[in-house]
Amino acid sequence: MLLIHGFAEDATIWENQVSRFREDYRLIVPDLPGSGKSDFIPEVFSMDDHADMLEQLLKEEDIEAADIIGHSMGGYIALAFAGKYPERMTGLCLFHSTAYADTEEKIESRRKSIQFIKQNGSLKFLQQATPNLFSDQTKNENPGMVEEIINRYSNFNPNSLVHYYEAMIQRPDRSEVLRKVPKPVLFIAGEHDSAIPIKHMLEQSYLPELSYFHSLKNSGHMGMLEEPANSNHYLEILLNNS
């Protein structure tokens, strides 16, 4: 399994999945360039560049093919990987992610966030943005989870955040990748996800030849943390059918 984290995260976001699957699967859980313990790459590093890097990582680890699981921005990278290296993939999971390119409204929102980060830094940005990624139920019943994630990533390199936003703005629509993907595709959506609306994921679930769609009823955009048991169960469905 290759687990690709999302924006303003690192490999530790998959801690619940690593603890569940590490005994049964070989896990590749990298920090993307600019995240966690990895080095920052100053030039614009596109979703395709990330995909190329991960394909090289599989080569170095002598892995012929893997199930590719991508959360949010990680899903954008996973789709780029699927488009370029379908033979290196046994299954694909879009975890709170989409094949659609950014709308003009989304691009404008990202550009405003870039300016906010440049002016205020990572911590203030995360304090403002992170709570919106969780469902109201999570925020009411487990506010410590939200605070812990803010604290975990409080020292995130602001230049990395800007870079990721710029790369996301530039990415193309990859709906055609889903139409042509030769392997099973799993969609995991959050019913309270304001970042990737569930209706967009439902629309795309009809594109692949073989797909599975599951929704997390109590989750926003962070189902791997909000509902880890259900998330792992749905991942098992992909793993057992790829």
Protein backbone atom coordinates (compact mmCIF):
# COMPACT_ATOMS: atom_id res chain seq x y z
CA MET A 1 0.00 0.00 0.00
CA LEU A 2 1.21 3.47 -0.89
CA LEU A 3 -0.49 6.06 1.34
CA ILE A 4 -0.22 9.65 0.10
CA HIS A 5 -1.06 12.40 2.59
CA GLY A 6 -2.81 15.65 1.76
CA PHE A 7 -2.25 19.39 2.05
CA ALA A 8 -0.79 20.69 5.34
CA GLU A 9 -0.26 17.11 6.54
CA ASP A 10 2.52 14.56 6.65
CA ALA A 11 2.77 10.78 6.82
CA THR A 12 1.57 10.72 10.44
CA ILE A 13 -1.98 11.53 9.30
CA TRP A 14 -2.24 7.82 8.39
CA GLU A 15 -1.38 6.60 11.90
CA ASN A 16 -4.68 4.71 12.30
CA GLN A 17 -4.21 2.96 8.98
CA VAL A 18 -0.58 2.10 9.63
CA SER A 19 -1.45 0.49 12.97
CA ARG A 20 -4.22 -1.54 11.32
CA PHE A 21 -2.44 -2.75 8.15
CA ARG A 22 1.27 -2.91 8.97
CA GLU A 23 1.12 -6.58 10.01
CA ASP A 24 -0.53 -7.72 6.78
CA TYR A 25 0.83 -5.38 4.11
CA ARG A 26 4.02 -3.69 3.11
CA LEU A 27 3.33 0.01 3.65
CA ILE A 28 4.99 2.92 1.89
CA VAL A 29 4.02 6.10 3.73
CA PRO A 30 6.22 9.00 2.56
CA ASP A 31 6.41 12.62 3.56
CA LEU A 32 5.89 14.57 0.35
CA PRO A 33 8.56 17.15 -0.52
CA GLY A 34 8.07 20.10 1.81
CA SER A 35 6.20 18.10 4.47
CA GLY A 36 7.25 16.35 7.65
CA LYS A 37 10.89 15.31 7.62
CA SER A 38 11.38 15.86 3.88
CA ASP A 39 13.25 18.75 2.33
CA PHE A 40 11.48 21.73 0.79
CA ILE A 41 11.69 21.98 -3.00
CA PRO A 42 11.57 25.69 -3.90
CA GLU A 43 10.49 25.38 -7.55
CA VAL A 44 6.90 24.56 -8.45
CA PHE A 45 6.56 20.81 -8.06
CA SER A 46 3.45 19.66 -9.92
CA MET A 47 1.14 16.74 -9.19
CA ASP A 48 2.88 14.91 -12.05
CA ASP A 49 6.27 15.62 -10.48
CA HIS A 50 5.05 14.13 -7.20
CA ALA A 51 3.77 11.09 -9.12
CA ASP A 52 7.15 10.65 -10.82
CA MET A 53 8.88 10.85 -7.45
CA LEU A 54 6.59 8.19 -5.97
CA GLU A 55 7.06 5.90 -8.96
CA GLN A 56 10.81 6.20 -8.46
CA LEU A 57 10.32 5.40 -4.78
CA LEU A 58 8.51 2.18 -5.69
CA LYS A 59 11.41 1.26 -7.98
CA GLU A 60 13.92 1.89 -5.22
CA GLU A 61 11.88 -0.29 -2.87
CA ASP A 62 11.68 -2.99 -5.57
CA ILE A 63 7.87 -2.86 -5.59
CA GLU A 64 6.30 -3.79 -8.91
CA ALA A 65 2.80 -2.46 -8.13
CA ALA A 66 0.79 -1.19 -5.17
CA ASP A 67 -2.63 -0.03 -4.06
CA ILE A 68 -2.44 3.77 -4.22
CA ILE A 69 -4.44 5.61 -1.54
CA GLY A 70 -4.51 9.42 -1.65
CA HIS A 71 -6.14 11.82 0.77
CA SER A 72 -7.32 15.16 -0.64
CA MET A 73 -4.25 16.61 -2.42
CA GLY A 74 -2.77 13.12 -2.16
CA GLY A 75 -5.68 11.98 -4.31
CA TYR A 76 -4.69 14.50 -6.98
CA ILE A 77 -1.22 12.95 -6.95
CA ALA A 78 -2.68 9.44 -7.02
CA LEU A 79 -4.70 10.34 -10.12
CA ALA A 80 -1.57 11.72 -11.81
CA PHE A 81 0.16 8.44 -10.92
CA ALA A 82 -2.74 6.41 -12.33
CA GLY A 83 -2.60 8.36 -15.57
CA LYS A 84 1.15 7.93 -16.01
CA TYR A 85 1.85 4.53 -14.45
CA PRO A 86 -1.31 2.38 -14.56
CA GLU A 87 0.80 -0.77 -14.70
CA ARG A 88 2.34 0.11 -11.30
CA MET A 89 -1.06 0.24 -9.61
CA THR A 90 -3.23 -2.63 -8.36
CA GLY A 91 -6.00 -0.36 -7.04
CA LEU A 92 -6.78 3.30 -6.48
CA CYS A 93 -8.51 5.05 -3.58
CA LEU A 94 -9.67 8.66 -3.68
CA PHE A 95 -10.06 9.49 0.00
CA HIS A 96 -11.95 12.79 0.21
CA SER A 97 -10.57 13.73 -3.19
CA THR A 98 -11.69 14.54 -6.73
CA ALA A 99 -10.67 14.27 -10.37
CA TYR A 100 -12.16 17.68 -11.14
CA ALA A 101 -9.92 20.66 -11.75
CA ASP A 102 -10.40 23.75 -9.61
CA THR A 103 -13.28 26.03 -10.49
CA GLU A 104 -12.63 29.76 -10.83
CA GLU A 105 -14.22 30.22 -7.41
CA LYS A 106 -11.89 27.60 -5.90
CA ILE A 107 -8.85 29.17 -7.55
CA GLU A 108 -9.78 32.55 -6.11
CA SER A 109 -10.19 30.98 -2.66
CA ARG A 110 -6.77 29.34 -2.89
CA ARG A 111 -5.15 32.61 -3.99
CA LYS A 112 -6.66 34.38 -0.99
CA SER A 113 -5.27 31.64 1.25
CA ILE A 114 -1.83 32.07 -0.32
CA GLN A 115 -1.88 35.77 0.55
CA PHE A 116 -3.05 35.00 4.09
CA ILE A 117 -0.22 32.51 4.60
CA LYS A 118 2.38 34.95 3.27
CA GLN A 119 1.12 37.68 5.59
CA ASN A 120 0.33 35.65 8.72
CA GLY A 121 2.28 32.39 8.62
CA SER A 122 1.30 28.75 8.96
CA LEU A 123 -0.03 28.65 12.51
CA LYS A 124 -2.65 31.38 12.06
CA PHE A 125 -3.67 29.82 8.77
CA LEU A 126 -4.11 26.39 10.35
CA GLN A 127 -6.00 27.83 13.30
CA GLN A 128 -8.43 29.38 10.84
CA ALA A 129 -8.67 26.55 8.29
CA THR A 130 -8.33 23.26 10.19
CA PRO A 131 -11.62 23.32 12.15
CA ASN A 132 -13.50 23.57 8.84
CA LEU A 133 -12.12 20.16 7.84
CA PHE A 134 -13.98 18.34 10.62
CA SER A 135 -17.67 17.63 11.03
CA ASP A 136 -19.67 19.49 13.67
CA GLN A 137 -20.08 16.20 15.52
CA THR A 138 -16.32 15.73 15.74
CA LYS A 139 -15.78 19.30 16.89
CA ASN A 140 -18.46 18.97 19.56
CA GLU A 141 -17.59 15.49 20.81
CA ASN A 142 -13.82 15.50 20.32
CA PRO A 143 -12.50 19.07 20.19
CA GLY A 144 -9.12 17.82 21.33
CA MET A 145 -8.65 16.05 18.00
CA VAL A 146 -8.92 19.32 16.09
CA GLU A 147 -6.55 21.10 18.48
CA GLU A 148 -4.06 18.22 18.28
CA ILE A 149 -3.89 18.42 14.49
CA ILE A 150 -3.35 22.20 14.62
CA ASN A 151 -0.54 21.73 17.13
CA ARG A 152 0.99 18.82 15.19
CA TYR A 153 1.41 20.90 12.05
CA SER A 154 1.89 24.34 13.64
CA ASN A 155 5.49 24.56 12.38
CA PHE A 156 4.64 23.67 8.79
CA ASN A 157 6.87 25.47 6.30
CA PRO A 158 4.68 28.29 4.92
CA ASN A 159 6.55 28.17 1.62
CA SER A 160 5.48 24.55 1.25
CA LEU A 161 1.84 25.47 1.80
CA VAL A 162 2.09 28.16 -0.88
CA HIS A 163 3.78 25.72 -3.25
CA TYR A 164 1.06 23.11 -2.75
CA TYR A 165 -1.68 25.64 -3.41
CA GLU A 166 0.01 26.78 -6.61
CA ALA A 167 0.42 23.20 -7.79
CA MET A 168 -3.23 22.41 -7.05
CA ILE A 169 -4.38 25.47 -8.98
CA GLN A 170 -2.40 24.32 -12.02
CA ARG A 171 -3.56 20.70 -12.06
CA PRO A 172 -5.82 19.58 -14.94
CA ASP A 173 -9.12 17.77 -14.83
CA ARG A 174 -8.41 14.03 -14.64
CA SER A 175 -11.90 12.61 -15.19
CA GLU A 176 -10.56 10.82 -18.25
CA VAL A 177 -8.08 8.97 -16.04
CA LEU A 178 -11.00 7.56 -14.06
CA ARG A 179 -12.74 6.49 -17.28
CA LYS A 180 -9.67 4.60 -18.45
CA VAL A 181 -8.26 3.26 -15.17
CA PRO A 182 -7.87 -0.52 -15.56
CA LYS A 183 -8.01 -1.27 -11.83
CA PRO A 184 -10.72 -1.01 -9.15
CA VAL A 185 -11.30 2.45 -7.71
CA LEU A 186 -12.54 3.14 -4.18
CA PHE A 187 -14.21 6.43 -3.32
CA ILE A 188 -14.44 7.35 0.37
CA ALA A 189 -16.51 10.48 0.98
CA GLY A 190 -17.45 12.42 4.09
CA GLU A 191 -21.12 13.36 4.34
CA HIS A 192 -20.13 16.64 6.01
CA ASP A 193 -17.11 17.39 3.84
CA SER A 194 -17.11 21.07 2.83
CA ALA A 195 -13.82 20.77 0.91
CA ILE A 196 -14.81 17.93 -1.43
CA PRO A 197 -18.62 17.75 -1.61
CA ILE A 198 -19.99 14.23 -1.54
CA LYS A 199 -22.07 14.91 -4.66
CA HIS A 200 -18.89 15.48 -6.69
CA MET A 201 -17.51 12.13 -5.60
CA LEU A 202 -20.81 10.42 -6.39
CA GLU A 203 -20.74 11.88 -9.90
CA GLN A 204 -17.24 10.52 -10.47
CA SER A 205 -17.92 7.08 -9.00
CA TYR A 206 -19.72 6.13 -12.23
CA LEU A 207 -16.68 6.81 -14.42
CA PRO A 208 -14.42 3.80 -13.72
CA GLU A 209 -15.27 0.35 -15.06
CA LEU A 210 -15.18 -0.99 -11.50
CA SER A 211 -15.67 1.25 -8.51
CA TYR A 212 -16.76 1.15 -4.89
CA PHE A 213 -18.34 4.10 -3.14
CA HIS A 214 -18.64 4.48 0.62
CA SER A 215 -19.64 7.46 2.72
CA LEU A 216 -18.62 8.26 6.27
CA LYS A 217 -21.77 9.54 7.95
CA ASN A 218 -20.11 11.41 10.81
CA SER A 219 -17.05 12.77 9.01
CA GLY A 220 -15.99 15.95 7.32
CA HIS A 221 -12.76 15.93 5.33
CA MET A 222 -10.71 13.89 7.82
CA GLY A 223 -12.36 10.48 7.88
CA MET A 224 -9.13 8.59 8.58
CA LEU A 225 -9.15 10.35 11.96
CA GLU A 226 -12.86 10.93 12.53
CA GLU A 227 -14.00 7.39 11.70
CA PRO A 228 -10.87 5.22 11.55
CA ALA A 229 -12.62 1.85 11.97
CA ASN A 230 -15.04 2.46 9.09
CA SER A 231 -12.26 3.95 6.97
CA ASN A 232 -10.10 0.88 7.47
CA HIS A 233 -13.03 -1.43 6.71
CA TYR A 234 -13.64 0.30 3.39
CA LEU A 235 -9.94 0.20 2.54
CA GLU A 236 -10.00 -3.54 3.16
CA ILE A 237 -12.68 -3.89 0.48
CA LEU A 238 -10.29 -2.37 -2.08
CA LEU A 239 -7.35 -4.44 -0.86
CA ASN A 240 -9.35 -7.65 -1.06
CA ASN A 241 -10.50 -6.93 -4.61
CA SER A 242 -7.35 -5.57 -6.21
